[in-house]
Amino acid sequence: MTHKYPPPDQALAEHPKDYSDPELKEYTDEFAQDILDEVTPIMPLVLPLMAVLQMFMLAFIAVVMA
């Protein structure tokens, strides 16, 4: 069985701006964002809350085992 399309790394190396699938082009143009930039603003809130939750769970386990 022969494939008419090159592997993804070769296809992107030759034409990085061209897409064979128009839906993929729309997705990458509209929704492609850096995940780290999205998560960074909420980290000062999430990290302490997760620490409190973890401490509560560990204390609960200690009380149950005692």
N, C-alpha and C. Protein backbone atom coordinates (compact mmCIF):
# COMPACT_ATOMS: atom_id res chain seq x y z
N MET A 1 0.85 -1.18 0.00
CA MET A 1 0.00 0.00 0.00
C MET A 1 0.89 1.24 0.00
N THR A 2 0.67 2.12 -0.95
CA THR A 2 1.49 3.33 -1.04
C THR A 2 0.69 4.52 -0.56
N HIS A 3 1.40 5.43 0.06
CA HIS A 3 0.77 6.66 0.53
C HIS A 3 1.18 7.80 -0.39
N LYS A 4 0.24 8.68 -0.66
CA LYS A 4 0.57 9.81 -1.53
C LYS A 4 1.05 11.03 -0.75
N TYR A 5 0.91 11.00 0.58
CA TYR A 5 1.33 12.14 1.39
C TYR A 5 2.66 11.83 2.07
N PRO A 6 3.56 12.81 2.16
CA PRO A 6 4.82 12.57 2.88
C PRO A 6 4.57 12.53 4.39
N PRO A 7 5.54 12.02 5.15
CA PRO A 7 5.40 12.04 6.61
C PRO A 7 5.25 13.47 7.11
N PRO A 8 4.63 13.67 8.27
CA PRO A 8 4.37 15.03 8.76
C PRO A 8 5.62 15.88 8.91
N ASP A 9 6.73 15.29 9.38
CA ASP A 9 7.92 16.10 9.56
C ASP A 9 8.49 16.58 8.23
N GLN A 10 8.40 15.77 7.18
CA GLN A 10 8.88 16.20 5.88
C GLN A 10 7.92 17.21 5.24
N ALA A 11 6.64 17.00 5.41
CA ALA A 11 5.67 17.91 4.82
C ALA A 11 5.78 19.30 5.45
N LEU A 12 5.95 19.36 6.76
CA LEU A 12 6.07 20.65 7.42
C LEU A 12 7.41 21.30 7.14
N ALA A 13 8.45 20.51 6.90
CA ALA A 13 9.76 21.08 6.62
C ALA A 13 9.75 21.80 5.28
N GLU A 14 9.01 21.26 4.32
CA GLU A 14 8.99 21.88 2.99
C GLU A 14 8.04 23.08 2.92
N HIS A 15 6.87 22.95 3.52
CA HIS A 15 5.85 24.00 3.44
C HIS A 15 5.26 24.25 4.83
N PRO A 16 5.94 24.99 5.68
CA PRO A 16 5.42 25.16 7.04
C PRO A 16 4.14 25.98 7.13
N LYS A 17 3.83 26.78 6.13
CA LYS A 17 2.63 27.63 6.18
C LYS A 17 1.44 27.02 5.45
N ASP A 18 1.65 25.95 4.69
CA ASP A 18 0.57 25.34 3.92
C ASP A 18 -0.06 24.19 4.70
N TYR A 19 -1.38 24.07 4.60
CA TYR A 19 -2.10 22.99 5.27
C TYR A 19 -2.94 22.25 4.24
N SER A 20 -2.91 20.92 4.29
CA SER A 20 -3.74 20.15 3.38
C SER A 20 -5.18 20.09 3.86
N ASP A 21 -5.39 20.30 5.16
CA ASP A 21 -6.73 20.25 5.74
C ASP A 21 -7.15 21.67 6.14
N PRO A 22 -8.18 22.23 5.53
CA PRO A 22 -8.58 23.61 5.87
C PRO A 22 -9.04 23.76 7.32
N GLU A 23 -9.62 22.70 7.90
CA GLU A 23 -10.04 22.79 9.30
C GLU A 23 -8.84 22.90 10.23
N LEU A 24 -7.75 22.23 9.88
CA LEU A 24 -6.53 22.33 10.67
C LEU A 24 -5.98 23.75 10.62
N LYS A 25 -6.03 24.37 9.46
CA LYS A 25 -5.55 25.74 9.33
C LYS A 25 -6.39 26.68 10.19
N GLU A 26 -7.72 26.51 10.16
CA GLU A 26 -8.58 27.36 10.98
C GLU A 26 -8.31 27.15 12.47
N TYR A 27 -8.10 25.90 12.86
CA TYR A 27 -7.83 25.61 14.27
C TYR A 27 -6.52 26.25 14.72
N THR A 28 -5.48 26.09 13.92
CA THR A 28 -4.19 26.62 14.33
C THR A 28 -4.19 28.14 14.32
N ASP A 29 -4.92 28.74 13.42
CA ASP A 29 -4.95 30.20 13.38
C ASP A 29 -5.77 30.79 14.52
N GLU A 30 -6.85 30.11 14.93
CA GLU A 30 -7.76 30.68 15.92
C GLU A 30 -7.45 30.26 17.35
N PHE A 31 -7.13 28.98 17.56
CA PHE A 31 -7.08 28.45 18.91
C PHE A 31 -5.69 28.11 19.42
N ALA A 32 -4.69 28.19 18.58
CA ALA A 32 -3.35 27.83 19.04
C ALA A 32 -2.81 28.93 19.94
N GLN A 33 -2.63 28.58 21.22
CA GLN A 33 -2.11 29.52 22.20
C GLN A 33 -1.10 28.79 23.06
N ASP A 34 -0.26 29.57 23.72
CA ASP A 34 0.71 28.97 24.61
C ASP A 34 0.00 28.58 25.91
N ILE A 35 0.07 27.31 26.26
CA ILE A 35 -0.63 26.82 27.44
C ILE A 35 -0.05 27.44 28.71
N LEU A 36 1.25 27.62 28.74
CA LEU A 36 1.88 28.19 29.92
C LEU A 36 1.38 29.61 30.18
N ASP A 37 1.17 30.38 29.12
CA ASP A 37 0.66 31.75 29.28
C ASP A 37 -0.77 31.75 29.81
N GLU A 38 -1.54 30.72 29.51
CA GLU A 38 -2.92 30.65 30.00
C GLU A 38 -2.98 30.27 31.47
N VAL A 39 -2.06 29.42 31.92
CA VAL A 39 -2.12 28.88 33.28
C VAL A 39 -1.42 29.80 34.28
N THR A 40 -0.42 30.52 33.86
CA THR A 40 0.40 31.32 34.78
C THR A 40 -0.40 32.30 35.63
N PRO A 41 -1.38 33.02 35.13
CA PRO A 41 -2.10 33.98 35.99
C PRO A 41 -2.87 33.34 37.14
N ILE A 42 -3.31 32.11 37.01
CA ILE A 42 -4.11 31.50 38.09
C ILE A 42 -3.27 30.69 39.07
N MET A 43 -1.98 30.55 38.81
CA MET A 43 -1.13 29.74 39.69
C MET A 43 -1.05 30.29 41.12
N PRO A 44 -0.98 31.60 41.36
CA PRO A 44 -0.95 32.06 42.76
C PRO A 44 -2.20 31.68 43.55
N LEU A 45 -3.27 31.41 42.89
CA LEU A 45 -4.50 30.99 43.57
C LEU A 45 -4.57 29.46 43.69
N VAL A 46 -4.18 28.77 42.65
CA VAL A 46 -4.34 27.32 42.61
C VAL A 46 -3.34 26.61 43.51
N LEU A 47 -2.09 27.04 43.52
CA LEU A 47 -1.07 26.35 44.32
C LEU A 47 -1.39 26.34 45.81
N PRO A 48 -1.73 27.48 46.43
CA PRO A 48 -2.08 27.42 47.86
C PRO A 48 -3.33 26.59 48.14
N LEU A 49 -4.31 26.64 47.26
CA LEU A 49 -5.52 25.84 47.47
C LEU A 49 -5.21 24.34 47.42
N MET A 50 -4.37 23.95 46.49
CA MET A 50 -3.99 22.54 46.41
C MET A 50 -3.16 22.12 47.62
N ALA A 51 -2.32 23.03 48.13
CA ALA A 51 -1.54 22.72 49.33
C ALA A 51 -2.45 22.53 50.54
N VAL A 52 -3.46 23.38 50.69
CA VAL A 52 -4.42 23.24 51.78
C VAL A 52 -5.18 21.92 51.65
N LEU A 53 -5.60 21.59 50.46
CA LEU A 53 -6.31 20.33 50.23
C LEU A 53 -5.43 19.13 50.58
N GLN A 54 -4.18 19.19 50.18
CA GLN A 54 -3.27 18.08 50.49
C GLN A 54 -3.04 17.95 52.00
N MET A 55 -2.86 19.07 52.69
CA MET A 55 -2.68 19.01 54.15
C MET A 55 -3.92 18.44 54.82
N PHE A 56 -5.10 18.84 54.37
CA PHE A 56 -6.34 18.31 54.94
C PHE A 56 -6.44 16.81 54.72
N MET A 57 -6.11 16.37 53.52
CA MET A 57 -6.18 14.94 53.24
C MET A 57 -5.19 14.14 54.08
N LEU A 58 -3.97 14.66 54.23
CA LEU A 58 -2.98 13.96 55.05
C LEU A 58 -3.41 13.92 56.52
N ALA A 59 -3.97 15.02 57.02
CA ALA A 59 -4.45 15.04 58.41
C ALA A 59 -5.61 14.06 58.58
N PHE A 60 -6.49 13.99 57.62
CA PHE A 60 -7.61 13.05 57.67
C PHE A 60 -7.12 11.61 57.71
N ILE A 61 -6.12 11.30 56.89
CA ILE A 61 -5.56 9.95 56.88
C ILE A 61 -4.93 9.64 58.24
N ALA A 62 -4.21 10.62 58.81
CA ALA A 62 -3.57 10.40 60.12
C ALA A 62 -4.61 10.15 61.21
N VAL A 63 -5.72 10.88 61.18
CA VAL A 63 -6.77 10.69 62.19
C VAL A 63 -7.43 9.33 62.01
N VAL A 64 -7.68 8.93 60.79
CA VAL A 64 -8.33 7.64 60.53
C VAL A 64 -7.42 6.49 60.97
N MET A 65 -6.13 6.61 60.72
CA MET A 65 -5.21 5.54 61.09
C MET A 65 -4.96 5.48 62.61
N ALA A 66 -5.17 6.59 63.31
CA ALA A 66 -4.85 6.61 64.76
C ALA A 66 -5.85 5.86 65.60
